[in-house]
Structures are given as structure tokens and as C-alpha cells.
N, C-alpha and C. Protein backbone atom coordinates (compact mmCIF):
# COMPACT_ATOMS: atom_id res chain seq x y z
N UNK A 1 13.69 4.73 12.80
CA UNK A 1 13.38 4.05 11.55
C UNK A 1 12.17 4.76 10.91
N UNK A 2 12.33 5.20 9.66
CA UNK A 2 11.24 5.82 8.93
C UNK A 2 10.40 4.73 8.27
N UNK A 3 9.10 4.75 8.55
CA UNK A 3 8.20 3.72 8.04
C UNK A 3 7.27 4.34 7.00
N UNK A 4 7.10 3.64 5.87
CA UNK A 4 6.23 4.12 4.80
C UNK A 4 5.19 3.08 4.44
N UNK A 5 4.06 3.58 3.98
CA UNK A 5 3.02 2.71 3.40
C UNK A 5 3.17 2.88 1.89
N UNK A 6 3.45 1.79 1.18
CA UNK A 6 3.70 1.90 -0.25
C UNK A 6 3.28 0.64 -0.98
N UNK A 7 3.42 0.66 -2.31
CA UNK A 7 3.04 -0.46 -3.16
C UNK A 7 4.24 -1.34 -3.45
N UNK A 8 4.03 -2.65 -3.49
CA UNK A 8 5.03 -3.58 -4.01
C UNK A 8 4.40 -4.27 -5.21
N UNK A 9 5.20 -4.48 -6.24
CA UNK A 9 4.68 -5.02 -7.50
C UNK A 9 4.71 -6.53 -7.49
N UNK A 10 3.62 -7.12 -7.92
CA UNK A 10 3.50 -8.57 -8.09
C UNK A 10 2.87 -8.80 -9.46
N UNK A 11 2.73 -10.03 -9.86
CA UNK A 11 2.07 -10.33 -11.13
C UNK A 11 3.07 -10.55 -12.25
N UNK A 12 2.55 -10.62 -13.46
CA UNK A 12 3.35 -10.93 -14.63
C UNK A 12 3.82 -9.66 -15.34
N UNK A 13 4.64 -9.86 -16.34
CA UNK A 13 5.08 -8.76 -17.18
C UNK A 13 3.86 -8.16 -17.88
N UNK A 14 3.75 -6.85 -17.86
CA UNK A 14 2.65 -6.09 -18.45
C UNK A 14 1.28 -6.44 -17.87
N UNK A 15 1.25 -7.05 -16.69
CA UNK A 15 0.00 -7.38 -16.00
C UNK A 15 0.24 -7.25 -14.50
N UNK A 16 0.53 -6.03 -14.07
CA UNK A 16 0.95 -5.80 -12.70
C UNK A 16 -0.22 -5.86 -11.72
N UNK A 17 0.05 -6.43 -10.56
CA UNK A 17 -0.82 -6.39 -9.40
C UNK A 17 0.03 -5.83 -8.27
N UNK A 18 -0.57 -5.12 -7.36
CA UNK A 18 0.19 -4.50 -6.29
C UNK A 18 -0.36 -4.90 -4.93
N UNK A 19 0.54 -4.97 -3.96
CA UNK A 19 0.18 -5.14 -2.56
C UNK A 19 0.47 -3.81 -1.88
N UNK A 20 -0.38 -3.43 -0.96
CA UNK A 20 -0.14 -2.24 -0.15
C UNK A 20 0.50 -2.73 1.13
N UNK A 21 1.74 -2.30 1.37
CA UNK A 21 2.50 -2.80 2.51
C UNK A 21 3.05 -1.65 3.35
N UNK A 22 3.41 -1.98 4.58
CA UNK A 22 4.11 -1.07 5.47
C UNK A 22 5.55 -1.58 5.55
N UNK A 23 6.52 -0.70 5.23
CA UNK A 23 7.90 -1.16 5.22
C UNK A 23 8.84 -0.03 5.64
N UNK A 24 10.07 -0.40 5.96
CA UNK A 24 11.12 0.56 6.24
C UNK A 24 11.41 1.31 4.95
N UNK A 25 11.58 2.61 5.02
CA UNK A 25 11.79 3.41 3.82
C UNK A 25 13.11 3.07 3.12
N UNK A 26 14.04 2.44 3.82
CA UNK A 26 15.34 2.09 3.22
C UNK A 26 15.32 0.77 2.47
N UNK A 27 14.29 -0.05 2.65
CA UNK A 27 14.23 -1.34 1.97
C UNK A 27 13.80 -1.16 0.52
N UNK A 28 14.20 -2.07 -0.38
CA UNK A 28 13.83 -1.94 -1.79
C UNK A 28 12.32 -2.11 -2.01
N UNK A 29 11.85 -1.69 -3.17
CA UNK A 29 10.41 -1.70 -3.47
C UNK A 29 9.78 -3.07 -3.24
N UNK A 30 10.40 -4.11 -3.78
CA UNK A 30 9.84 -5.46 -3.64
C UNK A 30 10.55 -6.26 -2.56
N UNK A 31 11.23 -5.58 -1.66
CA UNK A 31 11.99 -6.27 -0.62
C UNK A 31 11.16 -6.58 0.61
N UNK A 32 11.87 -6.68 1.72
CA UNK A 32 11.27 -7.05 2.99
C UNK A 32 10.29 -5.98 3.44
N UNK A 33 9.16 -6.40 4.01
CA UNK A 33 8.19 -5.46 4.53
C UNK A 33 7.72 -5.91 5.90
N UNK A 34 7.10 -5.00 6.63
CA UNK A 34 6.66 -5.27 7.99
C UNK A 34 5.30 -5.96 7.99
N UNK A 35 4.34 -5.39 7.24
CA UNK A 35 2.99 -5.94 7.24
C UNK A 35 2.27 -5.58 5.94
N UNK A 36 1.48 -6.51 5.43
CA UNK A 36 0.64 -6.26 4.26
C UNK A 36 -0.72 -5.78 4.74
N UNK A 37 -1.20 -4.66 4.18
CA UNK A 37 -2.47 -4.12 4.64
C UNK A 37 -3.53 -4.07 3.54
N UNK A 38 -3.18 -4.45 2.31
CA UNK A 38 -4.19 -4.43 1.26
C UNK A 38 -3.64 -4.81 -0.10
N UNK A 39 -4.52 -4.72 -1.12
CA UNK A 39 -4.16 -5.03 -2.50
C UNK A 39 -4.73 -3.95 -3.41
N UNK A 40 -4.13 -3.85 -4.62
CA UNK A 40 -4.57 -2.88 -5.62
C UNK A 40 -4.39 -3.50 -6.99
N UNK A 41 -5.46 -3.49 -7.79
CA UNK A 41 -5.42 -4.05 -9.15
C UNK A 41 -5.82 -2.96 -10.15
N UNK A 42 -4.84 -2.35 -10.84
CA UNK A 42 -5.15 -1.29 -11.80
C UNK A 42 -5.64 -1.82 -13.14
N UNK A 43 -5.64 -3.13 -13.37
CA UNK A 43 -5.99 -3.70 -14.66
C UNK A 43 -7.49 -3.79 -14.90
N UNK A 44 -8.27 -3.76 -13.85
CA UNK A 44 -9.72 -3.83 -14.00
C UNK A 44 -10.27 -2.45 -14.33
N UNK A 45 -11.50 -2.40 -14.83
CA UNK A 45 -12.10 -1.12 -15.16
C UNK A 45 -13.43 -1.00 -14.43
N UNK A 46 -13.58 -0.22 -13.39
CA UNK A 46 -12.58 0.65 -12.78
C UNK A 46 -11.60 -0.13 -11.90
N UNK A 47 -10.49 0.49 -11.56
CA UNK A 47 -9.48 -0.15 -10.73
C UNK A 47 -10.08 -0.60 -9.40
N UNK A 48 -9.63 -1.77 -8.93
CA UNK A 48 -10.14 -2.27 -7.66
C UNK A 48 -9.03 -2.28 -6.62
N UNK A 49 -9.42 -2.05 -5.38
CA UNK A 49 -8.47 -2.12 -4.28
C UNK A 49 -9.21 -2.54 -3.03
N UNK A 50 -8.45 -3.13 -2.11
CA UNK A 50 -9.00 -3.58 -0.84
C UNK A 50 -7.97 -3.22 0.23
N UNK A 51 -8.40 -2.49 1.24
CA UNK A 51 -7.51 -2.05 2.32
C UNK A 51 -8.12 -2.44 3.65
N UNK A 52 -7.30 -3.03 4.54
CA UNK A 52 -7.75 -3.33 5.90
C UNK A 52 -7.73 -2.02 6.69
N UNK A 53 -8.91 -1.49 6.95
CA UNK A 53 -9.04 -0.17 7.56
C UNK A 53 -8.40 -0.08 8.94
N UNK A 54 -8.58 -1.10 9.76
CA UNK A 54 -8.02 -1.08 11.11
C UNK A 54 -6.50 -1.02 11.09
N UNK A 55 -5.88 -1.86 10.24
CA UNK A 55 -4.42 -1.87 10.16
C UNK A 55 -3.90 -0.54 9.62
N UNK A 56 -4.56 0.01 8.61
CA UNK A 56 -4.13 1.29 8.03
C UNK A 56 -4.18 2.40 9.07
N UNK A 57 -5.28 2.48 9.81
CA UNK A 57 -5.40 3.52 10.85
C UNK A 57 -4.36 3.34 11.94
N UNK A 58 -4.08 2.07 12.30
CA UNK A 58 -3.08 1.80 13.33
C UNK A 58 -1.71 2.31 12.89
N UNK A 59 -1.33 2.03 11.65
CA UNK A 59 -0.01 2.44 11.17
C UNK A 59 0.08 3.95 10.99
N UNK A 60 -0.98 4.59 10.57
CA UNK A 60 -0.97 6.05 10.44
C UNK A 60 -0.83 6.68 11.82
N UNK A 61 -1.51 6.11 12.81
CA UNK A 61 -1.40 6.62 14.19
C UNK A 61 0.01 6.42 14.73
N UNK A 62 0.70 5.37 14.28
CA UNK A 62 2.06 5.10 14.73
C UNK A 62 3.11 5.88 13.95
N UNK A 63 2.68 6.69 12.96
CA UNK A 63 3.62 7.56 12.27
C UNK A 63 4.05 7.12 10.89
N UNK A 64 3.41 6.12 10.30
CA UNK A 64 3.77 5.69 8.95
C UNK A 64 3.28 6.73 7.95
N UNK A 65 4.13 7.07 6.98
CA UNK A 65 3.78 8.05 5.96
C UNK A 65 3.41 7.33 4.67
N UNK A 66 2.21 7.55 4.13
CA UNK A 66 1.84 6.92 2.86
C UNK A 66 2.48 7.64 1.68
N UNK A 67 2.79 6.90 0.62
CA UNK A 67 3.28 7.51 -0.61
C UNK A 67 2.08 8.18 -1.30
N UNK A 68 2.32 8.89 -2.40
CA UNK A 68 1.25 9.63 -3.07
C UNK A 68 0.12 8.71 -3.52
N UNK A 69 0.47 7.60 -4.17
CA UNK A 69 -0.55 6.69 -4.69
C UNK A 69 -1.33 6.05 -3.54
N UNK A 70 -0.64 5.63 -2.51
CA UNK A 70 -1.33 5.01 -1.37
C UNK A 70 -2.21 6.04 -0.67
N UNK A 71 -1.76 7.29 -0.59
CA UNK A 71 -2.58 8.34 0.03
C UNK A 71 -3.87 8.54 -0.76
N UNK A 72 -3.80 8.49 -2.10
CA UNK A 72 -5.00 8.62 -2.92
C UNK A 72 -5.95 7.45 -2.69
N UNK A 73 -5.40 6.23 -2.58
CA UNK A 73 -6.24 5.06 -2.32
C UNK A 73 -6.89 5.14 -0.95
N UNK A 74 -6.14 5.61 0.05
CA UNK A 74 -6.70 5.78 1.39
C UNK A 74 -7.83 6.81 1.38
N UNK A 75 -7.64 7.88 0.61
CA UNK A 75 -8.68 8.91 0.51
C UNK A 75 -9.94 8.35 -0.15
N UNK A 76 -9.77 7.53 -1.20
CA UNK A 76 -10.93 6.91 -1.85
C UNK A 76 -11.65 5.95 -0.92
N UNK A 77 -10.91 5.33 0.00
CA UNK A 77 -11.51 4.39 0.94
C UNK A 77 -12.02 5.10 2.21
N UNK A 78 -11.96 6.44 2.23
CA UNK A 78 -12.38 7.24 3.38
C UNK A 78 -11.63 6.90 4.65
N UNK A 79 -10.33 6.69 4.51
CA UNK A 79 -9.44 6.45 5.65
C UNK A 79 -8.52 7.66 5.74
N UNK A 80 -8.31 8.19 6.91
CA UNK A 80 -7.47 9.34 7.24
C UNK A 80 -8.29 10.48 7.71
């Protein structure tokens, strides 16, 4: 099973909020996920995000691949 760390969209129309989740790569974007590890709000200036560092490191050690956006957020949080 290929596992990815990616964003799922929440919130209203034209006011998106995102959760950073670990999920099977075959599941849909807003579908079933394994674990939620953080949040991301692009609407604030500057954008805000919160990531559980321990969970993120655990999943990276177990082989989860982050998407491009999640990789940038992890880099900003000094994880990896």
C-alpha cells in the first residue's frame, strides 16, 4: 500500500481550509484517511499551519511520501 501525506479540503466555497492527513494514495482527495497530522489555512496573511512533529516524523520514517505542498510546509516547520 502506497501511503501519502497530503491535503484534504474543508471549509466553505471560496474559503478553503485544509487538513494535513496521511492516506492511501488510491483514496480520493476528501475520502478516507489513516491519520490527521495537522492543519493549513491559506486565507490568513501570512498563511498559518500547524503540524504535529512527532506524527509527521513517524510517518516519514514508515515510508509515507509527502506531496509537493506538504513537503514545503514540512520544510517551513523544520521537519525532515
